[in-house]
Amino acid sequence: MLKIYGIKNCDSVRKAIKYLKAQEIPYEFVDFRETPVTKDIVGGWLKHTDIKTLFNTRGTTYRTLKLKELNLSDDDKQTWLSKENMLIKRPVITFNNDVIVGYNESLYQEKLEKI
């Protein structure tokens, strides 16, 4: 089953859920705040996307933690993603052994209509 990971009050997550409902695509929502994502889950996502796509450098959490100053390696970034889920670019949609990161309606149309 398709899973959408994120937080309830994120605009991109809300848009993705609205799209899935409009297309009548069943999904399970996983809220980072209620069910934190582990390093193993992040590692699974990274088999289908890259760390640059998944790691949100534009958010408040990234700036607050001053992570830019640390010059993190990809392994360090993966550890931070599991330690601080708000660093994950949202939403993350998993389905059929694939991953889509962020809200991208044209990509949703291309990949999700095959489900």
PDB file of N, CA and C in Angstrom:
ATOM      1  N   MET A   1       0.831  -1.188   0.000  1.00  0.00           N
ATOM      2  CA  MET A   1       0.000   0.000   0.000  1.00  0.00           C
ATOM      3  C   MET A   1       0.875   1.250   0.000  1.00  0.00           C
ATOM      4  N   LEU A   2       0.402   2.265  -0.661  1.00  0.00           N
ATOM      5  CA  LEU A   2       1.101   3.539  -0.716  1.00  0.00           C
ATOM      6  C   LEU A   2       1.108   4.165   0.673  1.00  0.00           C
ATOM      7  N   LYS A   3       2.278   4.676   1.076  1.00  0.00           N
ATOM      8  CA  LYS A   3       2.396   5.394   2.341  1.00  0.00           C
ATOM      9  C   LYS A   3       2.885   6.800   2.052  1.00  0.00           C
ATOM     10  N   ILE A   4       2.335   7.754   2.790  1.00  0.00           N
ATOM     11  CA  ILE A   4       2.785   9.135   2.681  1.00  0.00           C
ATOM     12  C   ILE A   4       3.289   9.562   4.054  1.00  0.00           C
ATOM     13  N   TYR A   5       4.552   9.985   4.104  1.00  0.00           N
ATOM     14  CA  TYR A   5       5.198  10.387   5.342  1.00  0.00           C
ATOM     15  C   TYR A   5       5.292  11.911   5.382  1.00  0.00           C
ATOM     16  N   GLY A   6       5.034  12.478   6.543  1.00  0.00           N
ATOM     17  CA  GLY A   6       5.143  13.919   6.709  1.00  0.00           C
ATOM     18  C   GLY A   6       4.522  14.356   8.014  1.00  0.00           C
ATOM     19  N   ILE A   7       4.083  15.611   8.040  1.00  0.00           N
ATOM     20  CA  ILE A   7       3.374  16.145   9.201  1.00  0.00           C
ATOM     21  C   ILE A   7       2.071  16.770   8.722  1.00  0.00           C
ATOM     22  N   LYS A   8       1.071  16.722   9.590  1.00  0.00           N
ATOM     23  CA  LYS A   8      -0.277  17.127   9.208  1.00  0.00           C
ATOM     24  C   LYS A   8      -0.398  18.574   8.757  1.00  0.00           C
ATOM     25  N   ASN A   9       0.396  19.461   9.338  1.00  0.00           N
ATOM     26  CA  ASN A   9       0.234  20.874   9.033  1.00  0.00           C
ATOM     27  C   ASN A   9       1.159  21.387   7.929  1.00  0.00           C
ATOM     28  N   CYS A  10       1.803  20.505   7.199  1.00  0.00           N
ATOM     29  CA  CYS A  10       2.682  20.889   6.088  1.00  0.00           C
ATOM     30  C   CYS A  10       1.853  21.089   4.821  1.00  0.00           C
ATOM     31  N   ASP A  11       2.008  22.228   4.175  1.00  0.00           N
ATOM     32  CA  ASP A  11       1.251  22.526   2.958  1.00  0.00           C
ATOM     33  C   ASP A  11       1.491  21.497   1.859  1.00  0.00           C
ATOM     34  N   SER A  12       2.730  21.099   1.661  1.00  0.00           N
ATOM     35  CA  SER A  12       3.046  20.122   0.610  1.00  0.00           C
ATOM     36  C   SER A  12       2.401  18.771   0.900  1.00  0.00           C
ATOM     37  N   VAL A  13       2.371  18.386   2.150  1.00  0.00           N
ATOM     38  CA  VAL A  13       1.733  17.120   2.537  1.00  0.00           C
ATOM     39  C   VAL A  13       0.234  17.214   2.284  1.00  0.00           C
ATOM     40  N   ARG A  14      -0.360  18.331   2.660  1.00  0.00           N
ATOM     41  CA  ARG A  14      -1.804  18.508   2.437  1.00  0.00           C
ATOM     42  C   ARG A  14      -2.143  18.470   0.950  1.00  0.00           C
ATOM     43  N   LYS A  15      -1.306  19.078   0.112  1.00  0.00           N
ATOM     44  CA  LYS A  15      -1.537  19.046  -1.342  1.00  0.00           C
ATOM     45  C   LYS A  15      -1.449  17.613  -1.868  1.00  0.00           C
ATOM     46  N   ALA A  16      -0.458  16.872  -1.381  1.00  0.00           N
ATOM     47  CA  ALA A  16      -0.282  15.485  -1.823  1.00  0.00           C
ATOM     48  C   ALA A  16      -1.483  14.633  -1.421  1.00  0.00           C
ATOM     49  N   ILE A  17      -1.951  14.796  -0.200  1.00  0.00           N
ATOM     50  CA  ILE A  17      -3.116  14.041   0.266  1.00  0.00           C
ATOM     51  C   ILE A  17      -4.356  14.424  -0.547  1.00  0.00           C
ATOM     52  N   LYS A  18      -4.510  15.694  -0.833  1.00  0.00           N
ATOM     53  CA  LYS A  18      -5.643  16.151  -1.650  1.00  0.00           C
ATOM     54  C   LYS A  18      -5.584  15.498  -3.033  1.00  0.00           C
ATOM     55  N   TYR A  19      -4.387  15.441  -3.628  1.00  0.00           N
ATOM     56  CA  TYR A  19      -4.213  14.802  -4.930  1.00  0.00           C
ATOM     57  C   TYR A  19      -4.595  13.318  -4.857  1.00  0.00           C
ATOM     58  N   LEU A  20      -4.091  12.612  -3.846  1.00  0.00           N
ATOM     59  CA  LEU A  20      -4.374  11.182  -3.713  1.00  0.00           C
ATOM     60  C   LEU A  20      -5.870  10.932  -3.545  1.00  0.00           C
ATOM     61  N   LYS A  21      -6.528  11.755  -2.753  1.00  0.00           N
ATOM     62  CA  LYS A  21      -7.977  11.608  -2.561  1.00  0.00           C
ATOM     63  C   LYS A  21      -8.731  11.868  -3.859  1.00  0.00           C
ATOM     64  N   ALA A  22      -8.327  12.899  -4.589  1.00  0.00           N
ATOM     65  CA  ALA A  22      -8.997  13.238  -5.853  1.00  0.00           C
ATOM     66  C   ALA A  22      -8.852  12.114  -6.875  1.00  0.00           C
ATOM     67  N   GLN A  23      -7.719  11.437  -6.846  1.00  0.00           N
ATOM     68  CA  GLN A  23      -7.464  10.325  -7.776  1.00  0.00           C
ATOM     69  C   GLN A  23      -7.957   8.986  -7.224  1.00  0.00           C
ATOM     70  N   GLU A  24      -8.523   9.042  -6.028  1.00  0.00           N
ATOM     71  CA  GLU A  24      -9.028   7.835  -5.353  1.00  0.00           C
ATOM     72  C   GLU A  24      -7.942   6.765  -5.187  1.00  0.00           C
ATOM     73  N   ILE A  25      -6.757   7.229  -4.828  1.00  0.00           N
ATOM     74  CA  ILE A  25      -5.636   6.328  -4.568  1.00  0.00           C
ATOM     75  C   ILE A  25      -5.575   6.093  -3.059  1.00  0.00           C
ATOM     76  N   PRO A  26      -5.749   4.847  -2.627  1.00  0.00           N
ATOM     77  CA  PRO A  26      -5.698   4.581  -1.186  1.00  0.00           C
ATOM     78  C   PRO A  26      -4.280   4.789  -0.645  1.00  0.00           C
ATOM     79  N   TYR A  27      -4.206   5.275   0.583  1.00  0.00           N
ATOM     80  CA  TYR A  27      -2.900   5.555   1.184  1.00  0.00           C
ATOM     81  C   TYR A  27      -2.983   5.398   2.701  1.00  0.00           C
ATOM     82  N   GLU A  28      -1.804   5.270   3.285  1.00  0.00           N
ATOM     83  CA  GLU A  28      -1.661   5.289   4.738  1.00  0.00           C
ATOM     84  C   GLU A  28      -0.791   6.499   5.062  1.00  0.00           C
ATOM     85  N   PHE A  29      -1.232   7.333   5.993  1.00  0.00           N
ATOM     86  CA  PHE A  29      -0.461   8.510   6.390  1.00  0.00           C
ATOM     87  C   PHE A  29       0.358   8.199   7.633  1.00  0.00           C
ATOM     88  N   VAL A  30       1.654   8.525   7.586  1.00  0.00           N
ATOM     89  CA  VAL A  30       2.545   8.326   8.726  1.00  0.00           C
ATOM     90  C   VAL A  30       3.065   9.705   9.142  1.00  0.00           C
ATOM     91  N   ASP A  31       2.657  10.133  10.332  1.00  0.00           N
ATOM     92  CA  ASP A  31       3.062  11.434  10.858  1.00  0.00           C
ATOM     93  C   ASP A  31       4.396  11.291  11.589  1.00  0.00           C
ATOM     94  N   PHE A  32       5.405  12.056  11.157  1.00  0.00           N
ATOM     95  CA  PHE A  32       6.732  12.008  11.778  1.00  0.00           C
ATOM     96  C   PHE A  32       6.668  12.260  13.283  1.00  0.00           C
ATOM     97  N   ARG A  33       5.766  13.128  13.686  1.00  0.00           N
ATOM     98  CA  ARG A  33       5.706  13.489  15.109  1.00  0.00           C
ATOM     99  C   ARG A  33       5.153  12.358  15.963  1.00  0.00           C
ATOM    100  N   GLU A  34       4.268  11.560  15.399  1.00  0.00           N
ATOM    101  CA  GLU A  34       3.670  10.450  16.153  1.00  0.00           C
ATOM    102  C   GLU A  34       4.465   9.157  15.992  1.00  0.00           C
ATOM    103  N   THR A  35       5.036   8.955  14.816  1.00  0.00           N
ATOM    104  CA  THR A  35       5.804   7.748  14.511  1.00  0.00           C
ATOM    105  C   THR A  35       7.113   8.167  13.851  1.00  0.00           C
ATOM    106  N   PRO A  36       8.144   8.452  14.657  1.00  0.00           N
ATOM    107  CA  PRO A  36       9.420   8.898  14.074  1.00  0.00           C
ATOM    108  C   PRO A  36       9.994   7.874  13.092  1.00  0.00           C
ATOM    109  N   VAL A  37      10.638   8.391  12.071  1.00  0.00           N
ATOM    110  CA  VAL A  37      11.254   7.560  11.041  1.00  0.00           C
ATOM    111  C   VAL A  37      12.648   7.148  11.519  1.00  0.00           C
ATOM    112  N   THR A  38      12.960   5.866  11.378  1.00  0.00           N
ATOM    113  CA  THR A  38      14.246   5.336  11.828  1.00  0.00           C
ATOM    114  C   THR A  38      15.309   5.448  10.733  1.00  0.00           C
ATOM    115  N   LYS A  39      16.542   5.193  11.129  1.00  0.00           N
ATOM    116  CA  LYS A  39      17.647   5.206  10.166  1.00  0.00           C
ATOM    117  C   LYS A  39      17.461   4.123   9.107  1.00  0.00           C
ATOM    118  N   ASP A  40      16.886   2.982   9.488  1.00  0.00           N
ATOM    119  CA  ASP A  40      16.639   1.903   8.520  1.00  0.00           C
ATOM    120  C   ASP A  40      15.635   2.335   7.450  1.00  0.00           C
ATOM    121  N   ILE A  41      14.580   3.032   7.864  1.00  0.00           N
ATOM    122  CA  ILE A  41      13.586   3.513   6.890  1.00  0.00           C
ATOM    123  C   ILE A  41      14.228   4.529   5.955  1.00  0.00           C
ATOM    124  N   VAL A  42      14.984   5.466   6.513  1.00  0.00           N
ATOM    125  CA  VAL A  42      15.677   6.457   5.684  1.00  0.00           C
ATOM    126  C   VAL A  42      16.628   5.751   4.723  1.00  0.00           C
ATOM    127  N   GLY A  43      17.341   4.745   5.215  1.00  0.00           N
ATOM    128  CA  GLY A  43      18.252   3.972   4.356  1.00  0.00           C
ATOM    129  C   GLY A  43      17.522   3.309   3.207  1.00  0.00           C
ATOM    130  N   GLY A  44      16.327   2.802   3.477  1.00  0.00           N
ATOM    131  CA  GLY A  44      15.511   2.207   2.409  1.00  0.00           C
ATOM    132  C   GLY A  44      15.120   3.234   1.365  1.00  0.00           C
ATOM    133  N   TRP A  45      14.763   4.424   1.810  1.00  0.00           N
ATOM    134  CA  TRP A  45      14.411   5.488   0.862  1.00  0.00           C
ATOM    135  C   TRP A  45      15.603   5.850  -0.011  1.00  0.00           C
ATOM    136  N   LEU A  46      16.791   5.847   0.603  1.00  0.00           N
ATOM    137  CA  LEU A  46      17.986   6.261  -0.130  1.00  0.00           C
ATOM    138  C   LEU A  46      18.412   5.257  -1.203  1.00  0.00           C
ATOM    139  N   LYS A  47      17.774   4.101  -1.234  1.00  0.00           N
ATOM    140  CA  LYS A  47      18.008   3.155  -2.337  1.00  0.00           C
ATOM    141  C   LYS A  47      17.278   3.632  -3.596  1.00  0.00           C
ATOM    142  N   HIS A  48      16.318   4.559  -3.427  1.00  0.00           N
ATOM    143  CA  HIS A  48      15.491   5.010  -4.549  1.00  0.00           C
ATOM    144  C   HIS A  48      15.578   6.507  -4.806  1.00  0.00           C
ATOM    145  N   THR A  49      16.260   7.231  -3.946  1.00  0.00           N
ATOM    146  CA  THR A  49      16.454   8.667  -4.130  1.00  0.00           C
ATOM    147  C   THR A  49      17.801   9.022  -3.511  1.00  0.00           C
ATOM    148  N   ASP A  50      18.252  10.239  -3.703  1.00  0.00           N
ATOM    149  CA  ASP A  50      19.558  10.608  -3.160  1.00  0.00           C
ATOM    150  C   ASP A  50      19.398  11.505  -1.924  1.00  0.00           C
ATOM    151  N   ILE A  51      20.459  11.596  -1.166  1.00  0.00           N
ATOM    152  CA  ILE A  51      20.437  12.339   0.092  1.00  0.00           C
ATOM    153  C   ILE A  51      20.166  13.824  -0.155  1.00  0.00           C
ATOM    154  N   LYS A  52      20.642  14.343  -1.278  1.00  0.00           N
ATOM    155  CA  LYS A  52      20.437  15.763  -1.595  1.00  0.00           C
ATOM    156  C   LYS A  52      18.954  16.071  -1.764  1.00  0.00           C
ATOM    157  N   THR A  53      18.206  15.153  -2.351  1.00  0.00           N
ATOM    158  CA  THR A  53      16.767  15.328  -2.538  1.00  0.00           C
ATOM    159  C   THR A  53      16.024  15.202  -1.215  1.00  0.00           C
ATOM    160  N   LEU A  54      16.439  14.270  -0.381  1.00  0.00           N
ATOM    161  CA  LEU A  54      15.733  13.961   0.860  1.00  0.00           C
ATOM    162  C   LEU A  54      16.038  14.943   1.994  1.00  0.00           C
ATOM    163  N   PHE A  55      17.230  15.498   2.021  1.00  0.00           N
ATOM    164  CA  PHE A  55      17.682  16.356   3.117  1.00  0.00           C
ATOM    165  C   PHE A  55      17.272  17.799   2.849  1.00  0.00           C
ATOM    166  N   ASN A  56      16.389  18.332   3.690  1.00  0.00           N
ATOM    167  CA  ASN A  56      15.843  19.677   3.502  1.00  0.00           C
ATOM    168  C   ASN A  56      16.778  20.734   4.091  1.00  0.00           C
ATOM    169  N   THR A  57      17.481  21.432   3.213  1.00  0.00           N
ATOM    170  CA  THR A  57      18.394  22.490   3.659  1.00  0.00           C
ATOM    171  C   THR A  57      17.718  23.861   3.660  1.00  0.00           C
ATOM    172  N   ARG A  58      16.440  23.917   3.297  1.00  0.00           N
ATOM    173  CA  ARG A  58      15.740  25.197   3.214  1.00  0.00           C
ATOM    174  C   ARG A  58      14.830  25.457   4.408  1.00  0.00           C
ATOM    175  N   GLY A  59      14.712  24.493   5.303  1.00  0.00           N
ATOM    176  CA  GLY A  59      13.773  24.621   6.409  1.00  0.00           C
ATOM    177  C   GLY A  59      14.351  25.293   7.634  1.00  0.00           C
ATOM    178  N   THR A  60      13.460  25.618   8.542  1.00  0.00           N
ATOM    179  CA  THR A  60      13.823  26.274   9.793  1.00  0.00           C
ATOM    180  C   THR A  60      14.713  25.379  10.651  1.00  0.00           C
ATOM    181  N   THR A  61      14.412  24.097  10.680  1.00  0.00           N
ATOM    182  CA  THR A  61      15.182  23.167  11.517  1.00  0.00           C
ATOM    183  C   THR A  61      16.650  23.159  11.103  1.00  0.00           C
ATOM    184  N   TYR A  62      16.911  23.136   9.816  1.00  0.00           N
ATOM    185  CA  TYR A  62      18.286  23.138   9.301  1.00  0.00           C
ATOM    186  C   TYR A  62      19.029  24.397   9.761  1.00  0.00           C
ATOM    187  N   ARG A  63      18.354  25.527   9.654  1.00  0.00           N
ATOM    188  CA  ARG A  63      18.985  26.792  10.062  1.00  0.00           C
ATOM    189  C   ARG A  63      19.154  26.872  11.573  1.00  0.00           C
ATOM    190  N   THR A  64      18.159  26.445  12.313  1.00  0.00           N
ATOM    191  CA  THR A  64      18.207  26.496  13.778  1.00  0.00           C
ATOM    192  C   THR A  64      19.346  25.644  14.331  1.00  0.00           C
ATOM    193  N   LEU A  65      19.519  24.462  13.756  1.00  0.00           N
ATOM    194  CA  LEU A  65      20.580  23.563  14.206  1.00  0.00           C
ATOM    195  C   LEU A  65      21.958  23.950  13.672  1.00  0.00           C
ATOM    196  N   LYS A  66      22.008  24.937  12.781  1.00  0.00           N
ATOM    197  CA  LYS A  66      23.261  25.434  12.190  1.00  0.00           C
ATOM    198  C   LYS A  66      24.069  24.302  11.554  1.00  0.00           C
ATOM    199  N   LEU A  67      23.369  23.453  10.813  1.00  0.00           N
ATOM    200  CA  LEU A  67      24.014  22.293  10.209  1.00  0.00           C
ATOM    201  C   LEU A  67      24.916  22.652   9.035  1.00  0.00           C
ATOM    202  N   LYS A  68      24.658  23.781   8.407  1.00  0.00           N
ATOM    203  CA  LYS A  68      25.507  24.194   7.287  1.00  0.00           C
ATOM    204  C   LYS A  68      26.958  24.359   7.750  1.00  0.00           C
ATOM    205  N   GLU A  69      27.116  24.846   8.958  1.00  0.00           N
ATOM    206  CA  GLU A  69      28.459  25.076   9.502  1.00  0.00           C
ATOM    207  C   GLU A  69      29.226  23.780   9.756  1.00  0.00           C
ATOM    208  N   LEU A  70      28.507  22.659   9.887  1.00  0.00           N
ATOM    209  CA  LEU A  70      29.148  21.387  10.212  1.00  0.00           C
ATOM    210  C   LEU A  70      29.722  20.664   8.999  1.00  0.00           C
ATOM    211  N   ASN A  71      29.362  21.104   7.781  1.00  0.00           N
ATOM    212  CA  ASN A  71      29.870  20.477   6.559  1.00  0.00           C
ATOM    213  C   ASN A  71      29.694  18.954   6.619  1.00  0.00           C
ATOM    214  N   LEU A  72      28.443  18.517   6.723  1.00  0.00           N
ATOM    215  CA  LEU A  72      28.099  17.119   6.952  1.00  0.00           C
ATOM    216  C   LEU A  72      28.380  16.229   5.742  1.00  0.00           C
ATOM    217  N   SER A  73      28.838  15.018   6.025  1.00  0.00           N
ATOM    218  CA  SER A  73      28.977  13.999   4.977  1.00  0.00           C
ATOM    219  C   SER A  73      27.593  13.408   4.717  1.00  0.00           C
ATOM    220  N   ASP A  74      27.451  12.609   3.660  1.00  0.00           N
ATOM    221  CA  ASP A  74      26.172  11.968   3.370  1.00  0.00           C
ATOM    222  C   ASP A  74      25.743  11.034   4.505  1.00  0.00           C
ATOM    223  N   ASP A  75      26.694  10.327   5.110  1.00  0.00           N
ATOM    224  CA  ASP A  75      26.373   9.448   6.242  1.00  0.00           C
ATOM    225  C   ASP A  75      25.883  10.270   7.436  1.00  0.00           C
ATOM    226  N   ASP A  76      26.543  11.412   7.676  1.00  0.00           N
ATOM    227  CA  ASP A  76      26.117  12.296   8.763  1.00  0.00           C
ATOM    228  C   ASP A  76      24.697  12.803   8.512  1.00  0.00           C
ATOM    229  N   LYS A  77      24.410  13.149   7.270  1.00  0.00           N
ATOM    230  CA  LYS A  77      23.073  13.639   6.930  1.00  0.00           C
ATOM    231  C   LYS A  77      22.020  12.559   7.179  1.00  0.00           C
ATOM    232  N   GLN A  78      22.334  11.315   6.810  1.00  0.00           N
ATOM    233  CA  GLN A  78      21.393  10.215   7.035  1.00  0.00           C
ATOM    234  C   GLN A  78      21.128  10.050   8.530  1.00  0.00           C
ATOM    235  N   THR A  79      22.163  10.156   9.340  1.00  0.00           N
ATOM    236  CA  THR A  79      21.995  10.063  10.793  1.00  0.00           C
ATOM    237  C   THR A  79      21.120  11.200  11.301  1.00  0.00           C
ATOM    238  N   TRP A  80      21.357  12.414  10.816  1.00  0.00           N
ATOM    239  CA  TRP A  80      20.548  13.562  11.236  1.00  0.00           C
ATOM    240  C   TRP A  80      19.084  13.402  10.818  1.00  0.00           C
ATOM    241  N   LEU A  81      18.844  12.846   9.633  1.00  0.00           N
ATOM    242  CA  LEU A  81      17.459  12.655   9.181  1.00  0.00           C
ATOM    243  C   LEU A  81      16.682  11.744  10.126  1.00  0.00           C
ATOM    244  N   SER A  82      17.330  10.708  10.632  1.00  0.00           N
ATOM    245  CA  SER A  82      16.636   9.795  11.544  1.00  0.00           C
ATOM    246  C   SER A  82      16.552  10.371  12.950  1.00  0.00           C
ATOM    247  N   LYS A  83      17.491  11.227  13.301  1.00  0.00           N
ATOM    248  CA  LYS A  83      17.502  11.841  14.626  1.00  0.00           C
ATOM    249  C   LYS A  83      16.527  13.020  14.705  1.00  0.00           C
ATOM    250  N   GLU A  84      16.401  13.745  13.602  1.00  0.00           N
ATOM    251  CA  GLU A  84      15.562  14.950  13.546  1.00  0.00           C
ATOM    252  C   GLU A  84      14.733  14.898  12.266  1.00  0.00           C
ATOM    253  N   ASN A  85      13.568  14.258  12.343  1.00  0.00           N
ATOM    254  CA  ASN A  85      12.729  14.016  11.162  1.00  0.00           C
ATOM    255  C   ASN A  85      12.276  15.285  10.459  1.00  0.00           C
ATOM    256  N   MET A  86      12.286  16.420  11.121  1.00  0.00           N
ATOM    257  CA  MET A  86      11.864  17.662  10.470  1.00  0.00           C
ATOM    258  C   MET A  86      12.872  18.106   9.397  1.00  0.00           C
ATOM    259  N   LEU A  87      14.017  17.444   9.316  1.00  0.00           N
ATOM    260  CA  LEU A  87      14.990  17.720   8.254  1.00  0.00           C
ATOM    261  C   LEU A  87      14.648  17.003   6.952  1.00  0.00           C
ATOM    262  N   ILE A  88      13.668  16.116   6.996  1.00  0.00           N
ATOM    263  CA  ILE A  88      13.273  15.361   5.804  1.00  0.00           C
ATOM    264  C   ILE A  88      12.357  16.227   4.952  1.00  0.00           C
ATOM    265  N   LYS A  89      12.698  16.341   3.670  1.00  0.00           N
ATOM    266  CA  LYS A  89      11.831  17.070   2.745  1.00  0.00           C
ATOM    267  C   LYS A  89      10.513  16.323   2.620  1.00  0.00           C
ATOM    268  N   ARG A  90       9.419  17.063   2.682  1.00  0.00           N
ATOM    269  CA  ARG A  90       8.096  16.447   2.724  1.00  0.00           C
ATOM    270  C   ARG A  90       7.279  16.784   1.490  1.00  0.00           C
ATOM    271  N   PRO A  91       6.337  15.892   1.193  1.00  0.00           N
ATOM    272  CA  PRO A  91       6.124  14.557   1.738  1.00  0.00           C
ATOM    273  C   PRO A  91       7.075  13.542   1.106  1.00  0.00           C
ATOM    274  N   VAL A  92       7.185  12.397   1.756  1.00  0.00           N
ATOM    275  CA  VAL A  92       7.864  11.246   1.163  1.00  0.00           C
ATOM    276  C   VAL A  92       6.771  10.210   0.899  1.00  0.00           C
ATOM    277  N   ILE A  93       6.647   9.808  -0.349  1.00  0.00           N
ATOM    278  CA  ILE A  93       5.634   8.824  -0.730  1.00  0.00           C
ATOM    279  C   ILE A  93       6.349   7.550  -1.155  1.00  0.00           C
ATOM    280  N   THR A  94       5.966   6.434  -0.518  1.00  0.00           N
ATOM    281  CA  THR A  94       6.550   5.141  -0.873  1.00  0.00           C
ATOM    282  C   THR A  94       5.462   4.242  -1.447  1.00  0.00           C
ATOM    283  N   PHE A  95       5.818   3.510  -2.497  1.00  0.00           N
ATOM    284  CA  PHE A  95       4.871   2.622  -3.175  1.00  0.00           C
ATOM    285  C   PHE A  95       5.633   1.715  -4.119  1.00  0.00           C
ATOM    286  N   ASN A  96       5.160   0.492  -4.270  1.00  0.00           N
ATOM    287  CA  ASN A  96       5.721  -0.450  -5.251  1.00  0.00           C
ATOM    288  C   ASN A  96       7.245  -0.397  -5.340  1.00  0.00           C
ATOM    289  N   ASN A  97       7.913  -0.367  -4.195  1.00  0.00           N
ATOM    290  CA  ASN A  97       9.371  -0.332  -4.169  1.00  0.00           C
ATOM    291  C   ASN A  97       9.941   0.914  -4.855  1.00  0.00           C
ATOM    292  N   ASP A  98       9.264   2.042  -4.701  1.00  0.00           N
ATOM    293  CA  ASP A  98       9.703   3.315  -5.267  1.00  0.00           C
ATOM    294  C   ASP A  98       9.438   4.417  -4.251  1.00  0.00           C
ATOM    295  N   VAL A  99      10.052   5.575  -4.469  1.00  0.00           N
ATOM    296  CA  VAL A  99       9.924   6.717  -3.561  1.00  0.00           C
ATOM    297  C   VAL A  99       9.804   8.001  -4.367  1.00  0.00           C
ATOM    298  N   ILE A 100       8.875   8.866  -3.949  1.00  0.00           N
ATOM    299  CA  ILE A 100       8.785  10.224  -4.489  1.00  0.00           C
ATOM    300  C   ILE A 100       8.951  11.173  -3.308  1.00  0.00           C
ATOM    301  N   VAL A 101       9.817  12.176  -3.456  1.00  0.00           N
ATOM    302  CA  VAL A 101      10.053  13.149  -2.393  1.00  0.00           C
ATOM    303  C   VAL A 101       9.552  14.512  -2.851  1.00  0.00           C
ATOM    304  N   GLY A 102       8.743  15.150  -2.004  1.00  0.00           N
ATOM    305  CA  GLY A 102       8.219  16.479  -2.301  1.00  0.00           C
ATOM    306  C   GLY A 102       6.914  16.395  -3.079  1.00  0.00           C
ATOM    307  N   TYR A 103       6.275  17.553  -3.218  1.00  0.00           N
ATOM    308  CA  TYR A 103       5.022  17.595  -3.969  1.00  0.00           C
ATOM    309  C   TYR A 103       5.340  17.940  -5.414  1.00  0.00           C
ATOM    310  N   ASN A 104       4.991  17.023  -6.331  1.00  0.00           N
ATOM    311  CA  ASN A 104       5.247  17.222  -7.750  1.00  0.00           C
ATOM    312  C   ASN A 104       4.112  16.538  -8.514  1.00  0.00           C
ATOM    313  N   GLU A 105       3.077  17.317  -8.853  1.00  0.00           N
ATOM    314  CA  GLU A 105       1.870  16.738  -9.437  1.00  0.00           C
ATOM    315  C   GLU A 105       2.138  16.007 -10.743  1.00  0.00           C
ATOM    316  N   SER A 106       3.008  16.533 -11.593  1.00  0.00           N
ATOM    317  CA  SER A 106       3.270  15.851 -12.868  1.00  0.00           C
ATOM    318  C   SER A 106       3.966  14.502 -12.633  1.00  0.00           C
ATOM    319  N   LEU A 107       4.846  14.439 -11.660  1.00  0.00           N
ATOM    320  CA  LEU A 107       5.492  13.176 -11.315  1.00  0.00           C
ATOM    321  C   LEU A 107       4.481  12.211 -10.698  1.00  0.00           C
ATOM    322  N   TYR A 108       3.567  12.737  -9.889  1.00  0.00           N
ATOM    323  CA  TYR A 108       2.498  11.906  -9.320  1.00  0.00           C
ATOM    324  C   TYR A 108       1.666  11.301 -10.449  1.00  0.00           C
ATOM    325  N   GLN A 109       1.308  12.129 -11.428  1.00  0.00           N
ATOM    326  CA  GLN A 109       0.495  11.639 -12.549  1.00  0.00           C
ATOM    327  C   GLN A 109       1.244  10.532 -13.302  1.00  0.00           C
ATOM    328  N   GLU A 110       2.510  10.741 -13.509  1.00  0.00           N
ATOM    329  CA  GLU A 110       3.319   9.771 -14.249  1.00  0.00           C
ATOM    330  C   GLU A 110       3.453   8.440 -13.502  1.00  0.00           C
ATOM    331  N   LYS A 111       3.759   8.504 -12.210  1.00  0.00           N
ATOM    332  CA  LYS A 111       4.084   7.298 -11.460  1.00  0.00           C
ATOM    333  C   LYS A 111       2.907   6.669 -10.705  1.00  0.00           C
ATOM    334  N   LEU A 112       2.012   7.489 -10.193  1.00  0.00           N
ATOM    335  CA  LEU A 112       0.970   6.960  -9.318  1.00  0.00           C
ATOM    336  C   LEU A 112      -0.250   6.449 -10.044  1.00  0.00           C
ATOM    337  N   GLU A 113      -0.450   6.868 -11.277  1.00  0.00           N
ATOM    338  CA  GLU A 113      -1.606   6.385 -12.021  1.00  0.00           C
ATOM    339  C   GLU A 113      -1.449   4.914 -12.411  1.00  0.00           C
ATOM    340  N   LYS A 114      -0.233   4.387 -12.278  1.00  0.00           N
ATOM    341  CA  LYS A 114       0.035   2.993 -12.610  1.00  0.00           C
ATOM    342  C   LYS A 114      -0.297   2.057 -11.453  1.00  0.00           C
ATOM    343  N   ILE A 115      -0.632   2.618 -10.319  1.00  0.00           N
ATOM    344  CA  ILE A 115      -0.888   1.797  -9.129  1.00  0.00           C
ATOM    345  C   ILE A 115      -2.216   1.079  -9.254  1.00  0.00           C
TER     346      ILE A 115
END
